[in-house]
Amino acid sequence: MKPQHVEVFGGPVYLGDYSTVIATPDRKVRFAVWPVWLGKGTIEIGKCCLICPGTRIMSATSITMGDGCMTAQNVSISDADWHDLYDRSKPIGNTQSVTIGNNVWLGDSVIVGKGVTIGDNAVIGAGSIVVKDIPANAIAAGNPATVIKYLDPDMPMRTRNDWLSNPAKLASDFELIDRALMKGNTLAGWFRSLLFPRKGD
């Protein structure tokens, strides 16, 4: 959606089937692999993921995101320091792979640092900074992010993979939603909204 606002620098960058990337003019989505001449970095995003506006994923080694993951706005994931601590002219600095499991939800403005592994189904609260591993099924928050509780194993879990598994039904559902939202729209009303816009148009 709005692909002109998605920036890809370097590569390889892999985006799985049925994934959705939403970008806006003021919140571009950036995938960067650097340094391209060494051919070491890679970004791999699984199937049925949702990448929201302002997300930045920057790799010098390897960033892997499983199936059905969601990033809210302004999430930042990086596997490198991007400069050496003592020689600031030296690019990259320390770097360690980042692994994000399946069905992980990263809240608004979450930062994921190098060397981190986040387990399947984990939820990271808005504004958190993840610098240590988070286990599967955990809800973590804070700076640095720590586990505050675990998901109830007895509760059924429905993932984006489940939601997108029946494309025909999904298309039908969206058509019903569109029809309900556009009910009452007319050609004359559209022209009026262009020439004499009112609040709510």
N, C-alpha and C. Protein backbone atom coordinates (compact mmCIF):
# COMPACT_ATOMS: atom_id res chain seq x y z
N MET A 1 0.86 -1.18 0.00
CA MET A 1 0.00 0.00 0.00
C MET A 1 0.89 1.23 0.00
N LYS A 2 0.70 2.12 -0.95
CA LYS A 2 1.54 3.30 -1.14
C LYS A 2 3.00 2.90 -1.30
N PRO A 3 3.31 2.06 -2.32
CA PRO A 3 4.68 1.54 -2.45
C PRO A 3 5.72 2.63 -2.71
N GLN A 4 5.28 3.81 -3.19
CA GLN A 4 6.26 4.87 -3.43
C GLN A 4 6.89 5.36 -2.13
N HIS A 5 6.31 5.02 -1.00
CA HIS A 5 6.86 5.44 0.29
C HIS A 5 7.62 4.32 1.01
N VAL A 6 7.90 3.24 0.29
CA VAL A 6 8.73 2.15 0.83
C VAL A 6 10.12 2.28 0.20
N GLU A 7 11.14 2.37 1.06
CA GLU A 7 12.51 2.51 0.57
C GLU A 7 13.28 1.22 0.84
N VAL A 8 13.91 0.68 -0.19
CA VAL A 8 14.75 -0.51 -0.06
C VAL A 8 16.16 -0.11 -0.48
N PHE A 9 17.11 -0.26 0.46
CA PHE A 9 18.51 0.04 0.16
C PHE A 9 19.31 -1.23 0.33
N GLY A 10 20.05 -1.60 -0.70
CA GLY A 10 20.86 -2.82 -0.63
C GLY A 10 19.98 -4.05 -0.71
N GLY A 11 20.54 -5.16 -0.28
CA GLY A 11 19.80 -6.41 -0.32
C GLY A 11 20.71 -7.56 0.07
N PRO A 12 20.17 -8.75 0.20
CA PRO A 12 18.82 -9.14 -0.16
C PRO A 12 17.79 -8.80 0.93
N VAL A 13 16.57 -8.48 0.46
CA VAL A 13 15.43 -8.25 1.33
C VAL A 13 14.31 -9.17 0.81
N TYR A 14 13.82 -10.05 1.68
CA TYR A 14 12.77 -10.99 1.31
C TYR A 14 11.50 -10.67 2.08
N LEU A 15 10.38 -10.62 1.38
CA LEU A 15 9.07 -10.37 1.99
C LEU A 15 8.16 -11.53 1.62
N GLY A 16 7.64 -12.22 2.62
CA GLY A 16 6.84 -13.42 2.39
C GLY A 16 5.49 -13.14 1.75
N ASP A 17 4.90 -14.20 1.22
CA ASP A 17 3.58 -14.11 0.57
C ASP A 17 2.54 -13.54 1.53
N TYR A 18 1.62 -12.77 0.98
CA TYR A 18 0.46 -12.21 1.69
C TYR A 18 0.84 -11.23 2.80
N SER A 19 2.07 -10.77 2.82
CA SER A 19 2.45 -9.74 3.80
C SER A 19 1.99 -8.38 3.30
N THR A 20 1.72 -7.48 4.24
CA THR A 20 1.24 -6.14 3.93
C THR A 20 2.20 -5.11 4.50
N VAL A 21 2.64 -4.19 3.65
CA VAL A 21 3.49 -3.08 4.08
C VAL A 21 2.70 -1.80 3.84
N ILE A 22 2.49 -1.03 4.90
CA ILE A 22 1.74 0.23 4.80
C ILE A 22 2.73 1.37 5.06
N ALA A 23 2.84 2.29 4.11
CA ALA A 23 3.75 3.41 4.27
C ALA A 23 3.03 4.69 3.88
N THR A 24 3.42 5.80 4.49
CA THR A 24 2.81 7.09 4.22
C THR A 24 3.91 8.11 3.94
N PRO A 25 3.58 9.26 3.36
CA PRO A 25 4.63 10.24 3.05
C PRO A 25 5.43 10.68 4.27
N ASP A 26 4.77 10.78 5.42
CA ASP A 26 5.47 11.23 6.62
C ASP A 26 6.01 10.08 7.47
N ARG A 27 5.69 8.84 7.12
CA ARG A 27 6.14 7.67 7.86
C ARG A 27 6.54 6.59 6.85
N LYS A 28 7.69 6.81 6.22
CA LYS A 28 8.17 5.84 5.24
C LYS A 28 8.58 4.54 5.93
N VAL A 29 8.53 3.46 5.19
CA VAL A 29 9.06 2.18 5.67
C VAL A 29 10.39 1.99 4.98
N ARG A 30 11.43 1.65 5.78
CA ARG A 30 12.77 1.52 5.23
C ARG A 30 13.35 0.15 5.55
N PHE A 31 13.80 -0.53 4.50
CA PHE A 31 14.56 -1.77 4.63
C PHE A 31 15.97 -1.47 4.11
N ALA A 32 16.97 -1.62 4.98
CA ALA A 32 18.33 -1.30 4.57
C ALA A 32 19.28 -2.45 4.91
N VAL A 33 20.06 -2.87 3.93
CA VAL A 33 21.11 -3.87 4.13
C VAL A 33 22.41 -3.21 3.73
N TRP A 34 23.35 -3.17 4.68
CA TRP A 34 24.60 -2.45 4.43
C TRP A 34 25.71 -3.07 5.26
N PRO A 35 26.94 -3.18 4.81
CA PRO A 35 27.46 -2.67 3.54
C PRO A 35 27.20 -3.64 2.39
N VAL A 36 26.63 -3.15 1.32
CA VAL A 36 26.24 -4.00 0.21
C VAL A 36 27.42 -4.68 -0.46
N TRP A 37 28.61 -4.06 -0.43
CA TRP A 37 29.76 -4.64 -1.13
C TRP A 37 30.31 -5.87 -0.43
N LEU A 38 30.02 -6.05 0.85
CA LEU A 38 30.47 -7.25 1.56
C LEU A 38 29.49 -8.40 1.42
N GLY A 39 28.26 -8.08 1.07
CA GLY A 39 27.25 -9.11 0.84
C GLY A 39 26.92 -9.94 2.06
N LYS A 40 26.97 -9.34 3.25
CA LYS A 40 26.73 -10.10 4.48
C LYS A 40 25.33 -9.93 5.05
N GLY A 41 24.76 -8.78 4.94
CA GLY A 41 23.47 -8.53 5.57
C GLY A 41 22.32 -9.16 4.82
N THR A 42 21.24 -9.43 5.54
CA THR A 42 20.02 -9.93 4.92
C THR A 42 18.82 -9.63 5.81
N ILE A 43 17.68 -9.38 5.18
CA ILE A 43 16.42 -9.19 5.88
C ILE A 43 15.44 -10.20 5.30
N GLU A 44 14.87 -11.03 6.18
CA GLU A 44 13.89 -12.03 5.75
C GLU A 44 12.63 -11.87 6.60
N ILE A 45 11.53 -11.55 5.94
CA ILE A 45 10.25 -11.36 6.62
C ILE A 45 9.31 -12.46 6.12
N GLY A 46 8.64 -13.13 7.04
CA GLY A 46 7.81 -14.28 6.72
C GLY A 46 6.50 -13.94 6.04
N LYS A 47 5.65 -14.94 5.93
CA LYS A 47 4.35 -14.82 5.29
C LYS A 47 3.36 -14.10 6.21
N CYS A 48 2.39 -13.45 5.61
CA CYS A 48 1.24 -12.87 6.32
C CYS A 48 1.61 -11.86 7.38
N CYS A 49 2.75 -11.18 7.23
CA CYS A 49 3.16 -10.17 8.21
C CYS A 49 2.51 -8.83 7.91
N LEU A 50 2.47 -7.96 8.90
CA LEU A 50 1.97 -6.60 8.76
C LEU A 50 3.06 -5.65 9.20
N ILE A 51 3.52 -4.80 8.28
CA ILE A 51 4.55 -3.80 8.58
C ILE A 51 3.88 -2.44 8.45
N CYS A 52 3.80 -1.70 9.57
CA CYS A 52 3.08 -0.43 9.59
C CYS A 52 4.00 0.76 9.34
N PRO A 53 3.42 1.95 9.08
CA PRO A 53 4.20 3.13 8.72
C PRO A 53 5.29 3.46 9.73
N GLY A 54 6.43 3.92 9.20
CA GLY A 54 7.54 4.35 10.03
C GLY A 54 8.47 3.24 10.47
N THR A 55 8.18 1.99 10.12
CA THR A 55 9.05 0.88 10.51
C THR A 55 10.38 0.97 9.76
N ARG A 56 11.48 0.74 10.49
CA ARG A 56 12.83 0.70 9.89
C ARG A 56 13.48 -0.62 10.29
N ILE A 57 13.94 -1.35 9.30
CA ILE A 57 14.65 -2.60 9.56
C ILE A 57 16.01 -2.48 8.88
N MET A 58 17.11 -2.54 9.68
CA MET A 58 18.45 -2.27 9.17
C MET A 58 19.38 -3.42 9.54
N SER A 59 19.99 -4.03 8.52
CA SER A 59 20.79 -5.23 8.76
C SER A 59 22.20 -5.12 8.20
N ALA A 60 23.17 -5.54 9.02
CA ALA A 60 24.54 -5.74 8.56
C ALA A 60 24.90 -7.22 8.61
N THR A 61 24.11 -8.02 9.31
CA THR A 61 24.35 -9.46 9.44
C THR A 61 23.12 -10.24 9.03
N SER A 62 22.09 -10.27 9.89
CA SER A 62 20.89 -11.02 9.55
C SER A 62 19.75 -10.64 10.48
N ILE A 63 18.61 -10.30 9.88
CA ILE A 63 17.38 -10.09 10.63
C ILE A 63 16.33 -11.00 10.02
N THR A 64 15.76 -11.87 10.86
CA THR A 64 14.75 -12.81 10.41
C THR A 64 13.48 -12.60 11.23
N MET A 65 12.36 -12.47 10.54
CA MET A 65 11.06 -12.30 11.19
C MET A 65 10.17 -13.43 10.69
N GLY A 66 9.53 -14.16 11.60
CA GLY A 66 8.70 -15.31 11.24
C GLY A 66 7.38 -14.92 10.60
N ASP A 67 6.53 -15.91 10.41
CA ASP A 67 5.22 -15.71 9.79
C ASP A 67 4.25 -15.02 10.74
N GLY A 68 3.35 -14.22 10.18
CA GLY A 68 2.25 -13.63 10.95
C GLY A 68 2.64 -12.56 11.93
N CYS A 69 3.83 -11.97 11.79
CA CYS A 69 4.26 -10.93 12.73
C CYS A 69 3.63 -9.58 12.40
N MET A 70 3.56 -8.71 13.39
CA MET A 70 3.02 -7.37 13.21
C MET A 70 3.95 -6.35 13.85
N THR A 71 4.27 -5.29 13.09
CA THR A 71 4.97 -4.15 13.68
C THR A 71 4.01 -2.97 13.64
N ALA A 72 3.83 -2.32 14.77
CA ALA A 72 3.03 -1.09 14.80
C ALA A 72 3.89 0.04 14.23
N GLN A 73 3.39 1.28 14.31
CA GLN A 73 4.13 2.41 13.74
C GLN A 73 5.46 2.63 14.44
N ASN A 74 6.44 3.08 13.65
CA ASN A 74 7.74 3.58 14.14
C ASN A 74 8.58 2.52 14.83
N VAL A 75 8.39 1.26 14.50
CA VAL A 75 9.24 0.21 15.06
C VAL A 75 10.61 0.26 14.39
N SER A 76 11.66 0.03 15.16
CA SER A 76 13.02 0.02 14.63
C SER A 76 13.71 -1.28 15.04
N ILE A 77 14.24 -2.00 14.05
CA ILE A 77 14.95 -3.26 14.29
C ILE A 77 16.32 -3.14 13.65
N SER A 78 17.37 -3.38 14.43
CA SER A 78 18.73 -3.25 13.91
C SER A 78 19.62 -4.34 14.49
N ASP A 79 20.50 -4.90 13.67
CA ASP A 79 21.43 -5.93 14.16
C ASP A 79 22.85 -5.41 14.33
N ALA A 80 23.03 -4.09 14.33
CA ALA A 80 24.39 -3.52 14.42
C ALA A 80 24.39 -2.22 15.21
N ASP A 81 25.60 -1.84 15.69
CA ASP A 81 25.78 -0.54 16.34
C ASP A 81 25.93 0.57 15.31
N TRP A 82 26.40 0.21 14.11
CA TRP A 82 26.62 1.09 12.97
C TRP A 82 27.84 1.99 13.09
N HIS A 83 28.47 2.04 14.24
CA HIS A 83 29.78 2.70 14.39
C HIS A 83 30.53 2.00 15.50
N ASP A 84 31.86 2.00 15.41
CA ASP A 84 32.69 1.44 16.46
C ASP A 84 32.69 2.39 17.65
N LEU A 85 32.75 1.84 18.86
CA LEU A 85 32.73 2.69 20.06
C LEU A 85 33.92 3.64 20.13
N TYR A 86 35.09 3.17 19.72
CA TYR A 86 36.30 3.97 19.88
C TYR A 86 36.79 4.60 18.58
N ASP A 87 36.39 4.04 17.44
CA ASP A 87 36.74 4.61 16.15
C ASP A 87 35.44 4.96 15.43
N ARG A 88 34.96 6.17 15.66
CA ARG A 88 33.65 6.57 15.14
C ARG A 88 33.63 6.70 13.62
N SER A 89 34.82 6.69 12.99
CA SER A 89 34.86 6.73 11.53
C SER A 89 34.68 5.34 10.93
N LYS A 90 34.77 4.31 11.77
CA LYS A 90 34.65 2.92 11.29
C LYS A 90 33.18 2.53 11.24
N PRO A 91 32.71 2.15 10.04
CA PRO A 91 31.29 1.77 9.95
C PRO A 91 31.00 0.41 10.57
N ILE A 92 29.76 0.14 10.78
CA ILE A 92 29.17 -1.11 11.26
C ILE A 92 29.33 -1.29 12.76
N GLY A 93 30.54 -1.37 13.30
CA GLY A 93 30.71 -1.67 14.73
C GLY A 93 30.29 -3.10 15.02
N ASN A 94 29.89 -3.35 16.27
CA ASN A 94 29.47 -4.70 16.64
C ASN A 94 28.14 -5.05 15.97
N THR A 95 28.02 -6.32 15.58
CA THR A 95 26.80 -6.76 14.93
C THR A 95 26.50 -8.20 15.33
N GLN A 96 25.22 -8.49 15.58
CA GLN A 96 24.76 -9.83 15.91
C GLN A 96 23.35 -10.01 15.34
N SER A 97 23.09 -11.21 14.86
CA SER A 97 21.80 -11.50 14.22
C SER A 97 20.62 -11.25 15.16
N VAL A 98 19.49 -10.88 14.57
CA VAL A 98 18.23 -10.72 15.28
C VAL A 98 17.26 -11.76 14.74
N THR A 99 16.60 -12.48 15.65
CA THR A 99 15.62 -13.50 15.25
C THR A 99 14.30 -13.22 15.95
N ILE A 100 13.25 -13.03 15.17
CA ILE A 100 11.92 -12.78 15.71
C ILE A 100 11.04 -13.94 15.26
N GLY A 101 10.41 -14.62 16.21
CA GLY A 101 9.64 -15.82 15.93
C GLY A 101 8.34 -15.55 15.18
N ASN A 102 7.50 -16.55 15.11
CA ASN A 102 6.20 -16.44 14.44
C ASN A 102 5.19 -15.71 15.32
N ASN A 103 4.29 -14.95 14.69
CA ASN A 103 3.15 -14.34 15.36
C ASN A 103 3.55 -13.38 16.48
N VAL A 104 4.68 -12.70 16.31
CA VAL A 104 5.15 -11.72 17.30
C VAL A 104 4.53 -10.36 16.98
N TRP A 105 4.13 -9.65 18.01
CA TRP A 105 3.53 -8.32 17.87
C TRP A 105 4.44 -7.31 18.55
N LEU A 106 4.99 -6.39 17.75
CA LEU A 106 5.85 -5.32 18.26
C LEU A 106 5.02 -4.04 18.30
N GLY A 107 4.80 -3.49 19.49
CA GLY A 107 3.96 -2.32 19.66
C GLY A 107 4.59 -1.05 19.13
N ASP A 108 3.83 0.04 19.19
CA ASP A 108 4.24 1.33 18.67
C ASP A 108 5.59 1.76 19.24
N SER A 109 6.50 2.16 18.34
CA SER A 109 7.81 2.74 18.70
C SER A 109 8.74 1.78 19.44
N VAL A 110 8.54 0.49 19.29
CA VAL A 110 9.46 -0.49 19.89
C VAL A 110 10.80 -0.44 19.16
N ILE A 111 11.88 -0.59 19.93
CA ILE A 111 13.23 -0.70 19.37
C ILE A 111 13.77 -2.08 19.73
N VAL A 112 14.23 -2.82 18.71
CA VAL A 112 14.84 -4.14 18.92
C VAL A 112 16.31 -4.03 18.54
N GLY A 113 17.19 -4.31 19.50
CA GLY A 113 18.62 -4.19 19.28
C GLY A 113 19.27 -5.47 18.82
N LYS A 114 20.55 -5.37 18.56
CA LYS A 114 21.32 -6.49 18.01
C LYS A 114 21.36 -7.68 18.96
N GLY A 115 21.47 -8.88 18.37
CA GLY A 115 21.64 -10.10 19.14
C GLY A 115 20.41 -10.61 19.86
N VAL A 116 19.27 -10.03 19.61
CA VAL A 116 18.04 -10.37 20.34
C VAL A 116 17.28 -11.49 19.62
N THR A 117 16.72 -12.40 20.42
CA THR A 117 15.77 -13.39 19.92
C THR A 117 14.45 -13.19 20.66
N ILE A 118 13.37 -13.08 19.90
CA ILE A 118 12.03 -12.94 20.48
C ILE A 118 11.24 -14.17 20.09
N GLY A 119 10.71 -14.89 21.07
CA GLY A 119 10.02 -16.15 20.82
C GLY A 119 8.65 -16.00 20.22
N ASP A 120 8.11 -17.11 19.71
CA ASP A 120 6.80 -17.14 19.06
C ASP A 120 5.71 -16.55 19.97
N ASN A 121 4.79 -15.82 19.35
CA ASN A 121 3.59 -15.26 19.99
C ASN A 121 3.86 -14.14 21.00
N ALA A 122 5.11 -13.76 21.19
CA ALA A 122 5.42 -12.72 22.17
C ALA A 122 4.81 -11.39 21.76
N VAL A 123 4.50 -10.57 22.76
CA VAL A 123 3.98 -9.21 22.56
C VAL A 123 4.93 -8.26 23.27
N ILE A 124 5.40 -7.24 22.54
CA ILE A 124 6.30 -6.24 23.12
C ILE A 124 5.53 -4.92 23.20
N GLY A 125 5.40 -4.39 24.41
CA GLY A 125 4.60 -3.19 24.65
C GLY A 125 5.17 -1.94 24.00
N ALA A 126 4.30 -0.99 23.73
CA ALA A 126 4.67 0.26 23.06
C ALA A 126 5.82 0.96 23.78
N GLY A 127 6.76 1.48 22.99
CA GLY A 127 7.87 2.26 23.52
C GLY A 127 8.97 1.44 24.16
N SER A 128 8.88 0.14 24.13
CA SER A 128 9.88 -0.71 24.79
C SER A 128 11.17 -0.78 23.98
N ILE A 129 12.27 -1.01 24.70
CA ILE A 129 13.57 -1.20 24.07
C ILE A 129 14.05 -2.60 24.43
N VAL A 130 14.16 -3.46 23.41
CA VAL A 130 14.48 -4.87 23.62
C VAL A 130 15.97 -5.07 23.37
N VAL A 131 16.71 -5.39 24.45
CA VAL A 131 18.15 -5.62 24.33
C VAL A 131 18.54 -7.02 24.80
N LYS A 132 17.57 -7.78 25.32
CA LYS A 132 17.81 -9.16 25.76
C LYS A 132 16.70 -10.03 25.21
N ASP A 133 16.95 -11.33 25.14
CA ASP A 133 15.98 -12.28 24.60
C ASP A 133 14.67 -12.24 25.37
N ILE A 134 13.58 -12.41 24.63
CA ILE A 134 12.24 -12.50 25.22
C ILE A 134 11.69 -13.87 24.85
N PRO A 135 11.24 -14.66 25.83
CA PRO A 135 10.77 -16.02 25.54
C PRO A 135 9.43 -16.04 24.81
N ALA A 136 9.11 -17.19 24.26
CA ALA A 136 7.84 -17.39 23.57
C ALA A 136 6.67 -17.15 24.53
N ASN A 137 5.57 -16.63 23.99
CA ASN A 137 4.32 -16.43 24.71
C ASN A 137 4.40 -15.42 25.85
N ALA A 138 5.46 -14.60 25.84
CA ALA A 138 5.63 -13.60 26.90
C ALA A 138 5.09 -12.26 26.46
N ILE A 139 4.63 -11.47 27.41
CA ILE A 139 4.30 -10.06 27.20
C ILE A 139 5.37 -9.28 27.94
N ALA A 140 6.12 -8.46 27.20
CA ALA A 140 7.23 -7.72 27.79
C ALA A 140 7.07 -6.24 27.51
N ALA A 141 7.60 -5.42 28.42
CA ALA A 141 7.52 -3.97 28.25
C ALA A 141 8.63 -3.31 29.05
N GLY A 142 8.92 -2.07 28.68
CA GLY A 142 9.86 -1.27 29.46
C GLY A 142 11.17 -1.02 28.75
N ASN A 143 12.05 -0.30 29.47
CA ASN A 143 13.39 0.02 28.99
C ASN A 143 14.40 -0.25 30.10
N PRO A 144 15.10 -1.40 30.00
CA PRO A 144 15.01 -2.43 28.96
C PRO A 144 13.75 -3.29 29.16
N ALA A 145 13.28 -3.88 28.06
CA ALA A 145 12.06 -4.69 28.11
C ALA A 145 12.26 -5.91 28.99
N THR A 146 11.30 -6.14 29.89
CA THR A 146 11.30 -7.32 30.74
C THR A 146 9.92 -7.97 30.68
N VAL A 147 9.88 -9.26 30.96
CA VAL A 147 8.61 -9.99 30.92
C VAL A 147 7.74 -9.54 32.09
N ILE A 148 6.49 -9.16 31.77
CA ILE A 148 5.57 -8.77 32.83
C ILE A 148 4.50 -9.83 33.07
N LYS A 149 4.24 -10.67 32.07
CA LYS A 149 3.35 -11.81 32.24
C LYS A 149 3.43 -12.69 31.01
N TYR A 150 2.71 -13.80 31.05
CA TYR A 150 2.68 -14.73 29.92
C TYR A 150 1.26 -14.87 29.41
N LEU A 151 1.13 -15.17 28.13
CA LEU A 151 -0.19 -15.43 27.55
C LEU A 151 -0.79 -16.67 28.17
N ASP A 152 -2.11 -16.68 28.29
CA ASP A 152 -2.82 -17.82 28.85
C ASP A 152 -2.82 -18.96 27.82
N PRO A 153 -2.18 -20.10 28.14
CA PRO A 153 -2.10 -21.20 27.17
C PRO A 153 -3.46 -21.83 26.87
N ASP A 154 -4.46 -21.60 27.72
CA ASP A 154 -5.79 -22.17 27.49
C ASP A 154 -6.66 -21.32 26.56
N MET A 155 -6.21 -20.11 26.26
CA MET A 155 -6.97 -19.24 25.36
C MET A 155 -6.63 -19.58 23.92
N PRO A 156 -7.65 -19.67 23.04
CA PRO A 156 -7.36 -19.95 21.63
C PRO A 156 -6.63 -18.76 21.00
N MET A 157 -5.71 -19.06 20.08
CA MET A 157 -4.93 -18.02 19.42
C MET A 157 -5.25 -18.05 17.93
N ARG A 158 -5.66 -16.91 17.39
CA ARG A 158 -5.91 -16.80 15.95
C ARG A 158 -4.85 -15.86 15.38
N THR A 159 -4.14 -16.32 14.37
CA THR A 159 -3.04 -15.54 13.80
C THR A 159 -3.43 -14.91 12.48
N ARG A 160 -2.56 -14.04 11.97
CA ARG A 160 -2.77 -13.47 10.63
C ARG A 160 -2.73 -14.57 9.58
N ASN A 161 -1.97 -15.62 9.81
CA ASN A 161 -1.95 -16.75 8.87
C ASN A 161 -3.35 -17.35 8.76
N ASP A 162 -4.02 -17.51 9.91
CA ASP A 162 -5.39 -18.04 9.90
C ASP A 162 -6.33 -17.10 9.15
N TRP A 163 -6.20 -15.81 9.44
CA TRP A 163 -7.08 -14.79 8.87
C TRP A 163 -6.95 -14.75 7.35
N LEU A 164 -5.71 -14.91 6.85
CA LEU A 164 -5.45 -14.80 5.41
C LEU A 164 -5.48 -16.14 4.69
N SER A 165 -5.87 -17.21 5.38
CA SER A 165 -5.82 -18.55 4.79
C SER A 165 -6.93 -18.80 3.77
N ASN A 166 -7.99 -17.98 3.81
CA ASN A 166 -9.10 -18.15 2.87
C ASN A 166 -9.30 -16.83 2.12
N PRO A 167 -8.50 -16.60 1.04
CA PRO A 167 -8.56 -15.31 0.33
C PRO A 167 -9.94 -14.98 -0.21
N ALA A 168 -10.70 -15.96 -0.67
CA ALA A 168 -12.02 -15.69 -1.22
C ALA A 168 -12.96 -15.13 -0.16
N LYS A 169 -12.96 -15.73 1.03
CA LYS A 169 -13.81 -15.24 2.12
C LYS A 169 -13.36 -13.85 2.56
N LEU A 170 -12.04 -13.65 2.63
CA LEU A 170 -11.51 -12.35 3.03
C LEU A 170 -11.95 -11.26 2.05
N ALA A 171 -11.85 -11.55 0.74
CA ALA A 171 -12.27 -10.58 -0.27
C ALA A 171 -13.76 -10.28 -0.14
N SER A 172 -14.56 -11.32 0.13
CA SER A 172 -16.00 -11.14 0.32
C SER A 172 -16.29 -10.27 1.55
N ASP A 173 -15.58 -10.53 2.64
CA ASP A 173 -15.75 -9.74 3.86
C ASP A 173 -15.42 -8.27 3.62
N PHE A 174 -14.30 -8.02 2.91
CA PHE A 174 -13.91 -6.64 2.63
C PHE A 174 -14.93 -5.95 1.72
N GLU A 175 -15.51 -6.69 0.79
CA GLU A 175 -16.52 -6.11 -0.08
C GLU A 175 -17.75 -5.69 0.72
N LEU A 176 -18.16 -6.53 1.68
CA LEU A 176 -19.29 -6.17 2.54
C LEU A 176 -18.99 -4.92 3.37
N ILE A 177 -17.77 -4.84 3.89
CA ILE A 177 -17.37 -3.66 4.67
C ILE A 177 -17.39 -2.41 3.78
N ASP A 178 -16.81 -2.52 2.57
CA ASP A 178 -16.79 -1.38 1.65
C ASP A 178 -18.19 -0.92 1.30
N ARG A 179 -19.07 -1.88 1.03
CA ARG A 179 -20.45 -1.52 0.68
C ARG A 179 -21.13 -0.79 1.84
N ALA A 180 -20.91 -1.26 3.06
CA ALA A 180 -21.52 -0.61 4.23
C ALA A 180 -20.97 0.80 4.41
N LEU A 181 -19.65 0.98 4.21
CA LEU A 181 -19.04 2.29 4.39
C LEU A 181 -19.44 3.28 3.30
N MET A 182 -19.70 2.77 2.09
CA MET A 182 -20.02 3.64 0.96
C MET A 182 -21.51 3.79 0.72
N LYS A 183 -22.31 3.20 1.60
CA LYS A 183 -23.77 3.28 1.44
C LYS A 183 -24.20 4.75 1.45
N GLY A 184 -24.99 5.11 0.48
CA GLY A 184 -25.47 6.49 0.41
C GLY A 184 -24.58 7.39 -0.45
N ASN A 185 -23.41 6.93 -0.86
CA ASN A 185 -22.56 7.74 -1.74
C ASN A 185 -23.20 7.86 -3.12
N THR A 186 -23.10 9.05 -3.70
CA THR A 186 -23.62 9.26 -5.04
C THR A 186 -22.59 10.05 -5.85
N LEU A 187 -22.74 10.05 -7.16
CA LEU A 187 -21.86 10.82 -8.03
C LEU A 187 -22.01 12.31 -7.75
N ALA A 188 -23.25 12.74 -7.57
CA ALA A 188 -23.50 14.16 -7.26
C ALA A 188 -22.85 14.55 -5.93
N GLY A 189 -22.94 13.65 -4.94
CA GLY A 189 -22.31 13.92 -3.65
C GLY A 189 -20.80 14.01 -3.75
N TRP A 190 -20.22 13.20 -4.62
CA TRP A 190 -18.76 13.24 -4.82
C TRP A 190 -18.35 14.59 -5.42
N PHE A 191 -19.09 15.04 -6.47
CA PHE A 191 -18.79 16.35 -7.07
C PHE A 191 -18.94 17.46 -6.05
N ARG A 192 -20.01 17.43 -5.26
CA ARG A 192 -20.21 18.45 -4.23
C ARG A 192 -19.04 18.48 -3.25
N SER A 193 -18.52 17.28 -2.87
CA SER A 193 -17.40 17.22 -1.91
C SER A 193 -16.13 17.83 -2.50
N LEU A 194 -15.99 17.76 -3.83
CA LEU A 194 -14.83 18.38 -4.48
C LEU A 194 -14.96 19.89 -4.55
N LEU A 195 -16.18 20.36 -4.90
CA LEU A 195 -16.39 21.79 -5.10
C LEU A 195 -16.71 22.55 -3.82
N PHE A 196 -17.49 21.91 -2.93
CA PHE A 196 -17.90 22.55 -1.68
C PHE A 196 -17.71 21.57 -0.52
N PRO A 197 -16.47 21.30 -0.15
CA PRO A 197 -16.22 20.29 0.90
C PRO A 197 -16.80 20.72 2.24
N ARG A 198 -17.30 19.74 2.97
CA ARG A 198 -17.83 19.95 4.31
C ARG A 198 -17.06 19.07 5.29
N LYS A 199 -17.16 19.39 6.54
CA LYS A 199 -16.54 18.57 7.57
C LYS A 199 -17.08 17.15 7.47
N GLY A 200 -16.18 16.18 7.45
CA GLY A 200 -16.58 14.78 7.34
C GLY A 200 -16.45 14.21 5.94
N ASP A 201 -16.23 15.10 4.93
CA ASP A 201 -16.06 14.61 3.55
C ASP A 201 -14.75 13.85 3.41
